[in-house]
């Protein structure tokens, strides 16, 4: 049988490190590959190296797909309050809050009726953005 090339062995080690998060410098340090003593010393055939490379590539692709799925799930789990733009520092009027939340003034009135925190200044409602954000987070 033909021995694997140094390039093949280096690629195998590199893939192993990417898949398992290790820093192996030679085959003997690649514990998860289930190599024989002879193979650990670098005496590995081209066929065996190719099979291991194929397995590691498949595992790397599986890990990448899982990472993408997790990222997509995290995006789907984002709540309205997480997606809001940066908060203004002063108290907001109904129009300010409606603009910030991208809803109508009527929607703000409905949210107030549902218990959204409001500060009355005379007969004029004002909103502390931090309180409103916390209230929205609790509701989502």
C-alpha atoms as a PDB file:
ATOM      1  CA  UNK A   1       0.000   0.000   0.000  1.00  0.00           C
ATOM      2  CA  UNK A   2       1.116   3.537  -0.751  1.00  0.00           C
ATOM      3  CA  UNK A   3       1.925   5.835   2.157  1.00  0.00           C
ATOM      4  CA  UNK A   4       0.037   9.098   2.553  1.00  0.00           C
ATOM      5  CA  UNK A   5       1.865  12.245   1.463  1.00  0.00           C
ATOM      6  CA  UNK A   6       3.000  14.860   3.955  1.00  0.00           C
ATOM      7  CA  UNK A   7       0.464  17.238   2.416  1.00  0.00           C
ATOM      8  CA  UNK A   8      -2.350  14.716   3.059  1.00  0.00           C
ATOM      9  CA  UNK A   9      -1.211  14.180   6.644  1.00  0.00           C
ATOM     10  CA  UNK A  10      -0.963  17.941   7.273  1.00  0.00           C
ATOM     11  CA  UNK A  11      -4.462  18.428   5.855  1.00  0.00           C
ATOM     12  CA  UNK A  12      -5.777  15.585   8.019  1.00  0.00           C
ATOM     13  CA  UNK A  13      -4.272  17.174  11.133  1.00  0.00           C
ATOM     14  CA  UNK A  14      -5.628  20.593  10.151  1.00  0.00           C
ATOM     15  CA  UNK A  15      -9.161  19.220   9.683  1.00  0.00           C
ATOM     16  CA  UNK A  16      -8.920  17.341  12.977  1.00  0.00           C
ATOM     17  CA  UNK A  17      -7.967  20.569  14.753  1.00  0.00           C
ATOM     18  CA  UNK A  18     -10.876  22.484  13.186  1.00  0.00           C
ATOM     19  CA  UNK A  19     -13.445  19.803  13.991  1.00  0.00           C
ATOM     20  CA  UNK A  20     -12.291  19.132  17.550  1.00  0.00           C
ATOM     21  CA  UNK A  21     -10.875  22.531  18.511  1.00  0.00           C
ATOM     22  CA  UNK A  22      -7.432  21.113  19.232  1.00  0.00           C
ATOM     23  CA  UNK A  23      -3.910  22.172  18.353  1.00  0.00           C
ATOM     24  CA  UNK A  24      -2.376  18.869  17.343  1.00  0.00           C
ATOM     25  CA  UNK A  25       0.935  19.190  15.508  1.00  0.00           C
ATOM     26  CA  UNK A  26       1.303  15.540  14.438  1.00  0.00           C
ATOM     27  CA  UNK A  27      -0.902  12.464  14.054  1.00  0.00           C
ATOM     28  CA  UNK A  28       0.066  11.044  17.438  1.00  0.00           C
ATOM     29  CA  UNK A  29      -1.719  13.978  19.098  1.00  0.00           C
ATOM     30  CA  UNK A  30      -4.992  13.361  17.203  1.00  0.00           C
ATOM     31  CA  UNK A  31      -6.561  11.199  19.922  1.00  0.00           C
ATOM     32  CA  UNK A  32     -10.091  11.135  18.458  1.00  0.00           C
ATOM     33  CA  UNK A  33      -9.049   9.550  15.157  1.00  0.00           C
ATOM     34  CA  UNK A  34      -8.685   6.025  16.603  1.00  0.00           C
ATOM     35  CA  UNK A  35      -5.357   5.449  14.899  1.00  0.00           C
ATOM     36  CA  UNK A  36      -3.190   2.383  15.340  1.00  0.00           C
ATOM     37  CA  UNK A  37       0.239   2.774  16.890  1.00  0.00           C
ATOM     38  CA  UNK A  38       1.794   2.494  13.436  1.00  0.00           C
ATOM     39  CA  UNK A  39      -0.506   5.219  12.056  1.00  0.00           C
ATOM     40  CA  UNK A  40       0.164   7.511  15.032  1.00  0.00           C
ATOM     41  CA  UNK A  41       3.854   7.446  14.135  1.00  0.00           C
ATOM     42  CA  UNK A  42       3.013   8.753  10.643  1.00  0.00           C
ATOM     43  CA  UNK A  43       2.904   5.441   8.809  1.00  0.00           C
ATOM     44  CA  UNK A  44      -0.600   5.799   7.367  1.00  0.00           C
ATOM     45  CA  UNK A  45      -1.798   4.725   3.922  1.00  0.00           C
ATOM     46  CA  UNK A  46      -3.275   7.116   1.358  1.00  0.00           C
ATOM     47  CA  UNK A  47      -6.551   5.201   1.416  1.00  0.00           C
ATOM     48  CA  UNK A  48      -6.866   5.380   5.214  1.00  0.00           C
ATOM     49  CA  UNK A  49      -5.916   9.067   5.238  1.00  0.00           C
ATOM     50  CA  UNK A  50      -8.510   9.772   2.522  1.00  0.00           C
ATOM     51  CA  UNK A  51     -11.207   7.956   4.519  1.00  0.00           C
ATOM     52  CA  UNK A  52     -10.378   9.918   7.660  1.00  0.00           C
ATOM     53  CA  UNK A  53     -10.343  13.198   5.724  1.00  0.00           C
ATOM     54  CA  UNK A  54     -13.746  12.384   4.246  1.00  0.00           C
ATOM     55  CA  UNK A  55     -15.159  11.623   7.705  1.00  0.00           C
ATOM     56  CA  UNK A  56     -13.735  14.838   9.170  1.00  0.00           C
ATOM     57  CA  UNK A  57     -15.117  16.922   6.293  1.00  0.00           C
ATOM     58  CA  UNK A  58     -18.569  15.431   6.856  1.00  0.00           C
ATOM     59  CA  UNK A  59     -18.329  16.185  10.589  1.00  0.00           C
ATOM     60  CA  UNK A  60     -17.195  19.754   9.892  1.00  0.00           C
ATOM     61  CA  UNK A  61     -20.135  20.297   7.531  1.00  0.00           C
ATOM     62  CA  UNK A  62     -22.515  18.878  10.145  1.00  0.00           C
ATOM     63  CA  UNK A  63     -21.108  21.257  12.773  1.00  0.00           C
ATOM     64  CA  UNK A  64     -21.479  24.218  10.399  1.00  0.00           C
ATOM     65  CA  UNK A  65     -25.108  23.286   9.655  1.00  0.00           C
ATOM     66  CA  UNK A  66     -25.830  23.025  13.389  1.00  0.00           C
ATOM     67  CA  UNK A  67     -24.248  26.432  13.992  1.00  0.00           C
ATOM     68  CA  UNK A  68     -26.373  27.968  11.206  1.00  0.00           C
ATOM     69  CA  UNK A  69     -29.530  26.402  12.644  1.00  0.00           C
ATOM     70  CA  UNK A  70     -28.690  27.726  16.113  1.00  0.00           C
ATOM     71  CA  UNK A  71     -28.111  31.205  14.693  1.00  0.00           C
ATOM     72  CA  UNK A  72     -31.411  31.112  12.786  1.00  0.00           C
ATOM     73  CA  UNK A  73     -33.217  29.957  15.929  1.00  0.00           C
ATOM     74  CA  UNK A  74     -31.672  32.801  17.930  1.00  0.00           C
ATOM     75  CA  UNK A  75     -32.877  35.295  15.307  1.00  0.00           C
ATOM     76  CA  UNK A  76     -36.386  33.807  15.445  1.00  0.00           C
ATOM     77  CA  UNK A  77     -36.352  34.053  19.239  1.00  0.00           C
ATOM     78  CA  UNK A  78     -35.570  37.767  19.194  1.00  0.00           C
ATOM     79  CA  UNK A  79     -38.423  39.692  20.798  1.00  0.00           C
ATOM     80  CA  UNK A  80     -39.863  43.027  19.767  1.00  0.00           C
ATOM     81  CA  UNK A  81     -38.036  44.783  22.587  1.00  0.00           C
ATOM     82  CA  UNK A  82     -34.713  43.273  21.463  1.00  0.00           C
ATOM     83  CA  UNK A  83     -35.241  44.675  17.977  1.00  0.00           C
ATOM     84  CA  UNK A  84     -36.007  48.247  19.047  1.00  0.00           C
ATOM     85  CA  UNK A  85     -33.575  50.994  18.073  1.00  0.00           C
ATOM     86  CA  UNK A  86     -31.438  52.788  20.667  1.00  0.00           C
ATOM     87  CA  UNK A  87     -33.411  54.548  23.375  1.00  0.00           C
ATOM     88  CA  UNK A  88     -33.698  58.332  23.603  1.00  0.00           C
ATOM     89  CA  UNK A  89     -32.545  59.715  26.959  1.00  0.00           C
ATOM     90  CA  UNK A  90     -35.440  62.068  27.796  1.00  0.00           C
ATOM     91  CA  UNK A  91     -39.121  61.382  28.369  1.00  0.00           C
ATOM     92  CA  UNK A  92     -41.011  60.692  25.168  1.00  0.00           C
ATOM     93  CA  UNK A  93     -44.334  62.071  24.011  1.00  0.00           C
ATOM     94  CA  UNK A  94     -47.022  59.882  22.439  1.00  0.00           C
ATOM     95  CA  UNK A  95     -45.760  60.898  18.982  1.00  0.00           C
ATOM     96  CA  UNK A  96     -42.111  60.256  19.934  1.00  0.00           C
ATOM     97  CA  UNK A  97     -42.944  56.809  21.310  1.00  0.00           C
ATOM     98  CA  UNK A  98     -45.141  55.949  18.327  1.00  0.00           C
ATOM     99  CA  UNK A  99     -42.318  56.941  15.966  1.00  0.00           C
ATOM    100  CA  UNK A 100     -39.748  54.979  17.985  1.00  0.00           C
ATOM    101  CA  UNK A 101     -41.918  51.843  18.081  1.00  0.00           C
ATOM    102  CA  UNK A 102     -43.078  52.395  14.486  1.00  0.00           C
ATOM    103  CA  UNK A 103     -46.756  52.218  15.394  1.00  0.00           C
ATOM    104  CA  UNK A 104     -49.667  54.652  15.298  1.00  0.00           C
ATOM    105  CA  UNK A 105     -50.665  57.056  18.070  1.00  0.00           C
ATOM    106  CA  UNK A 106     -53.773  54.898  18.525  1.00  0.00           C
ATOM    107  CA  UNK A 107     -51.628  51.855  19.191  1.00  0.00           C
ATOM    108  CA  UNK A 108     -49.856  53.788  21.958  1.00  0.00           C
ATOM    109  CA  UNK A 109     -53.246  54.621  23.508  1.00  0.00           C
ATOM    110  CA  UNK A 110     -54.169  50.912  23.442  1.00  0.00           C
ATOM    111  CA  UNK A 111     -50.849  49.956  25.022  1.00  0.00           C
ATOM    112  CA  UNK A 112     -51.444  52.537  27.772  1.00  0.00           C
ATOM    113  CA  UNK A 113     -54.858  50.978  28.405  1.00  0.00           C
ATOM    114  CA  UNK A 114     -53.086  47.598  28.681  1.00  0.00           C
ATOM    115  CA  UNK A 115     -50.902  48.982  31.476  1.00  0.00           C
ATOM    116  CA  UNK A 116     -47.856  50.442  29.710  1.00  0.00           C
ATOM    117  CA  UNK A 117     -45.966  52.642  32.234  1.00  0.00           C
ATOM    118  CA  UNK A 118     -46.914  56.285  31.777  1.00  0.00           C
ATOM    119  CA  UNK A 119     -45.854  59.454  33.560  1.00  0.00           C
ATOM    120  CA  UNK A 120     -48.524  62.145  33.567  1.00  0.00           C
ATOM    121  CA  UNK A 121     -47.233  65.701  33.422  1.00  0.00           C
ATOM    122  CA  UNK A 122     -50.372  67.685  33.964  1.00  0.00           C
ATOM    123  CA  UNK A 123     -52.757  66.135  31.468  1.00  0.00           C
ATOM    124  CA  UNK A 124     -49.997  65.121  29.083  1.00  0.00           C
ATOM    125  CA  UNK A 125     -48.724  61.535  29.068  1.00  0.00           C
ATOM    126  CA  UNK A 126     -44.972  61.009  28.876  1.00  0.00           C
ATOM    127  CA  UNK A 127     -43.001  57.779  28.702  1.00  0.00           C
ATOM    128  CA  UNK A 128     -39.700  56.729  30.218  1.00  0.00           C
ATOM    129  CA  UNK A 129     -38.226  54.627  27.420  1.00  0.00           C
ATOM    130  CA  UNK A 130     -36.396  52.288  29.819  1.00  0.00           C
ATOM    131  CA  UNK A 131     -39.660  51.533  31.662  1.00  0.00           C
ATOM    132  CA  UNK A 132     -41.515  50.975  28.383  1.00  0.00           C
ATOM    133  CA  UNK A 133     -38.752  48.684  27.094  1.00  0.00           C
ATOM    134  CA  UNK A 134     -38.814  46.595  30.275  1.00  0.00           C
ATOM    135  CA  UNK A 135     -42.599  46.404  30.132  1.00  0.00           C
ATOM    136  CA  UNK A 136     -42.495  45.228  26.494  1.00  0.00           C
ATOM    137  CA  UNK A 137     -39.863  42.607  27.341  1.00  0.00           C
ATOM    138  CA  UNK A 138     -42.033  41.245  30.156  1.00  0.00           C
ATOM    139  CA  UNK A 139     -45.013  40.958  27.792  1.00  0.00           C
ATOM    140  CA  UNK A 140     -43.188  39.177  24.964  1.00  0.00           C
END
